[in-house]
Amino acid sequence: MRDDIVEKLQHEIHSRCLAETNRFGIGCYYHIVAVVKNAELLARKYGADMEVVIIAAWLHDIASITDYDLYELHHIHGAEMAYSLLKEYGYDDDKICLVQQCIQNHRGSIDTKRSSLEERCVADADAISHFDNIPSLLYLAYCQKGMGIEDGKEFVKEKLTRSFRKLSAESKRYYQKKFENAMDVLG
């Protein structure tokens, strides 16, 4: 594992999340940390290349946090940004390609074929990360969107249900209890 690169990426992403230009605020950093945590767990479970998965998880939203205008195609722009950054760090070309594929195919809202274990780990980790950030979703519903108690609760439940549906079949089985527990708490 190239711990030096992972440490640099963590610092880089944290700095970009703190920047005034990041419209998503620091909450996006906590989302990315949750994606990294879940991606590592899934890589271990599925036997994926841990280094590729962790690096791709740190970089999967880099375009969104860098420039909001890139949000709609952040999976494409993010892969390009990852290439430049990882080349600068002297990372292996073959592994850069794998990281780019993970970033290009991480979005659950876009129907893409995930051809590697690494891509599945990052995409599933991105979807399940919402379960690790329920307070942020409640804040979004109540404070930013101004919803009432019931509407906000339903908004969060629907978001979590959509996220759960985006998971691969294997990850759905793995995270079923987490999904059920979240739904129980939200009533």
Protein backbone atom coordinates (compact mmCIF):
# COMPACT_ATOMS: atom_id res chain seq x y z
CA MET A 1 0.00 0.00 0.00
CA ARG A 2 1.36 3.40 -0.98
CA ASP A 3 0.61 5.10 2.34
CA ASP A 4 2.49 8.19 1.19
CA ILE A 5 0.03 8.73 -1.65
CA VAL A 6 -3.01 7.96 0.49
CA GLU A 7 -1.84 10.47 3.10
CA LYS A 8 -1.27 13.14 0.41
CA LEU A 9 -4.72 12.47 -1.07
CA GLN A 10 -6.42 12.72 2.30
CA HIS A 11 -4.77 16.10 2.89
CA GLU A 12 -5.56 17.27 -0.68
CA ILE A 13 -9.23 16.32 -0.42
CA HIS A 14 -9.57 17.87 3.04
CA SER A 15 -8.06 21.13 1.77
CA ARG A 16 -10.39 21.20 -1.23
CA CYS A 17 -13.39 20.52 1.00
CA LEU A 18 -12.43 23.49 3.21
CA ALA A 19 -12.03 25.83 0.23
CA GLU A 20 -14.62 28.57 -0.24
CA THR A 21 -15.18 27.35 -3.79
CA ASN A 22 -16.53 24.01 -2.51
CA ARG A 23 -20.29 24.56 -2.56
CA PHE A 24 -20.92 21.30 -0.69
CA GLY A 25 -19.09 22.45 2.46
CA ILE A 26 -17.15 20.32 4.90
CA GLY A 27 -19.98 17.78 5.00
CA CYS A 28 -18.65 16.47 1.71
CA TYR A 29 -15.40 15.55 3.44
CA TYR A 30 -17.30 13.38 5.93
CA HIS A 31 -19.09 11.73 3.01
CA ILE A 32 -15.75 10.96 1.35
CA VAL A 33 -14.31 9.59 4.61
CA ALA A 34 -17.36 7.29 4.91
CA VAL A 35 -16.86 6.15 1.30
CA VAL A 36 -13.19 5.35 2.04
CA LYS A 37 -14.14 3.42 5.19
CA ASN A 38 -16.82 1.37 3.43
CA ALA A 39 -14.69 0.86 0.31
CA GLU A 40 -11.89 -0.56 2.43
CA LEU A 41 -14.32 -2.89 4.17
CA LEU A 42 -15.79 -4.07 0.84
CA ALA A 43 -12.36 -4.50 -0.76
CA ARG A 44 -11.40 -6.77 2.10
CA LYS A 45 -14.69 -8.69 1.82
CA TYR A 46 -14.53 -9.16 -1.98
CA GLY A 47 -10.75 -9.54 -2.35
CA ALA A 48 -10.33 -6.40 -4.46
CA ASP A 49 -7.09 -4.43 -4.84
CA MET A 50 -7.16 -2.47 -1.57
CA GLU A 51 -4.80 0.27 -2.75
CA VAL A 52 -6.75 1.01 -5.94
CA VAL A 53 -10.05 1.02 -4.03
CA ILE A 54 -8.85 3.37 -1.30
CA ILE A 55 -7.23 5.80 -3.73
CA ALA A 56 -10.33 5.82 -5.96
CA ALA A 57 -12.57 6.33 -2.91
CA TRP A 58 -10.54 9.39 -1.85
CA LEU A 59 -10.75 10.81 -5.38
CA HIS A 60 -14.26 9.84 -6.49
CA ASP A 61 -15.78 13.31 -5.89
CA ILE A 62 -12.68 15.45 -6.49
CA ALA A 63 -14.22 17.26 -9.48
CA SER A 64 -17.40 18.19 -7.55
CA ILE A 65 -15.56 19.69 -4.61
CA THR A 66 -13.07 21.49 -6.85
CA ASP A 67 -15.53 23.15 -9.23
CA TYR A 68 -19.32 22.95 -8.87
CA ASP A 69 -19.70 23.51 -12.62
CA LEU A 70 -18.22 20.02 -13.09
CA TYR A 71 -20.85 18.33 -10.89
CA GLU A 72 -23.05 16.84 -13.62
CA LEU A 73 -20.09 15.05 -15.21
CA HIS A 74 -17.94 14.83 -12.08
CA HIS A 75 -17.27 11.16 -12.68
CA ILE A 76 -15.63 11.99 -16.04
CA HIS A 77 -13.79 15.13 -14.89
CA GLY A 78 -12.77 13.40 -11.67
CA ALA A 79 -11.10 10.57 -13.58
CA GLU A 80 -9.11 13.14 -15.58
CA MET A 81 -8.12 15.03 -12.43
CA ALA A 82 -7.10 11.76 -10.76
CA TYR A 83 -4.83 10.95 -13.69
CA SER A 84 -2.99 14.26 -13.39
CA LEU A 85 -2.66 14.11 -9.62
CA LEU A 86 -1.54 10.47 -9.50
CA LYS A 87 0.97 11.02 -12.33
CA GLU A 88 2.39 13.91 -10.32
CA TYR A 89 2.79 11.54 -7.35
CA GLY A 90 4.59 8.97 -9.52
CA TYR A 91 1.86 6.37 -9.23
CA ASP A 92 1.89 3.29 -11.48
CA ASP A 93 0.20 3.86 -14.91
CA ASP A 94 -1.73 0.56 -14.87
CA LYS A 95 -3.11 1.31 -11.43
CA ILE A 96 -4.00 4.86 -12.46
CA CYS A 97 -6.16 3.34 -15.18
CA LEU A 98 -7.94 1.13 -12.62
CA VAL A 99 -8.51 4.12 -10.31
CA GLN A 100 -9.94 6.09 -13.24
CA GLN A 101 -12.36 3.27 -14.08
CA CYS A 102 -13.57 3.22 -10.48
CA ILE A 103 -14.18 6.97 -10.54
CA GLN A 104 -15.90 6.89 -13.95
CA ASN A 105 -18.27 4.16 -12.80
CA HIS A 106 -18.97 5.14 -9.19
CA ARG A 107 -22.27 6.95 -9.74
CA GLY A 108 -25.31 4.90 -8.87
CA SER A 109 -27.56 7.35 -10.73
CA ILE A 110 -25.87 6.45 -14.01
CA ASP A 111 -26.38 2.94 -15.35
CA THR A 112 -22.88 1.72 -16.15
CA LYS A 113 -21.32 -1.70 -16.31
CA ARG A 114 -18.92 -2.22 -13.48
CA SER A 115 -16.45 -4.75 -14.80
CA SER A 116 -14.12 -5.05 -11.80
CA LEU A 117 -14.39 -5.78 -8.11
CA GLU A 118 -12.71 -2.44 -7.45
CA GLU A 119 -15.40 -0.52 -9.37
CA ARG A 120 -18.15 -2.35 -7.46
CA CYS A 121 -16.46 -1.60 -4.11
CA VAL A 122 -16.23 2.14 -4.78
CA ALA A 123 -19.75 2.44 -6.26
CA ASP A 124 -21.31 0.45 -3.40
CA ALA A 125 -19.31 2.38 -0.79
CA ASP A 126 -20.53 5.66 -2.29
CA ALA A 127 -24.16 4.51 -2.08
CA ILE A 128 -23.94 3.11 1.44
CA SER A 129 -22.06 6.14 2.78
CA HIS A 130 -25.39 7.93 3.23
CA PHE A 131 -26.16 5.52 6.06
CA ASP A 132 -23.09 6.81 7.88
CA ASN A 133 -24.23 10.41 7.45
CA ILE A 134 -27.89 10.37 8.50
CA PRO A 135 -27.46 13.51 10.65
CA SER A 136 -26.23 15.37 7.55
CA LEU A 137 -29.27 14.20 5.60
CA LEU A 138 -31.57 15.35 8.40
CA TYR A 139 -29.78 18.71 8.47
CA LEU A 140 -30.27 18.98 4.71
CA ALA A 141 -33.98 18.22 5.03
CA TYR A 142 -34.79 20.39 8.05
CA CYS A 143 -32.33 23.26 7.89
CA GLN A 144 -31.39 23.67 4.26
CA LYS A 145 -34.66 22.61 2.64
CA GLY A 146 -36.88 23.90 5.47
CA MET A 147 -39.00 20.76 5.61
CA GLY A 148 -41.32 19.88 8.48
CA ILE A 149 -40.72 16.86 10.71
CA GLU A 150 -42.70 14.29 8.69
CA ASP A 151 -41.68 15.57 5.25
CA GLY A 152 -38.02 15.67 6.29
CA LYS A 153 -38.18 12.17 7.71
CA GLU A 154 -39.75 10.86 4.49
CA PHE A 155 -37.14 12.71 2.41
CA VAL A 156 -34.33 10.96 4.31
CA LYS A 157 -36.04 7.56 4.16
CA GLU A 158 -36.51 7.89 0.40
CA LYS A 159 -32.87 8.94 -0.07
CA LEU A 160 -31.66 5.95 1.93
CA THR A 161 -33.98 3.58 0.06
CA ARG A 162 -32.68 4.85 -3.30
CA SER A 163 -29.10 4.47 -2.08
CA PHE A 164 -29.76 0.91 -0.90
CA ARG A 165 -31.32 -0.02 -4.26
CA LYS A 166 -28.15 1.14 -6.06
CA LEU A 167 -26.03 -1.48 -4.30
CA SER A 168 -24.86 -4.66 -6.00
CA ALA A 169 -26.76 -7.79 -4.98
CA GLU A 170 -23.86 -8.95 -2.79
CA SER A 171 -23.61 -5.64 -0.97
CA LYS A 172 -27.38 -5.50 -0.47
CA ARG A 173 -27.15 -8.76 1.43
CA TYR A 174 -24.16 -7.49 3.40
CA TYR A 175 -25.78 -4.15 4.34
CA GLN A 176 -29.39 -5.38 4.76
CA LYS A 177 -29.31 -5.09 8.56
CA LYS A 178 -27.83 -1.57 8.40
CA PHE A 179 -30.68 -0.55 6.06
CA GLU A 180 -33.33 -2.10 8.30
CA ASN A 181 -31.88 -0.45 11.41
CA ALA A 182 -31.86 2.98 9.74
CA MET A 183 -35.47 2.57 8.64
CA ASP A 184 -36.46 1.50 12.19
CA VAL A 185 -34.79 4.57 13.71
CA LEU A 186 -36.52 6.87 11.22
CA GLY A 187 -39.84 5.18 11.93
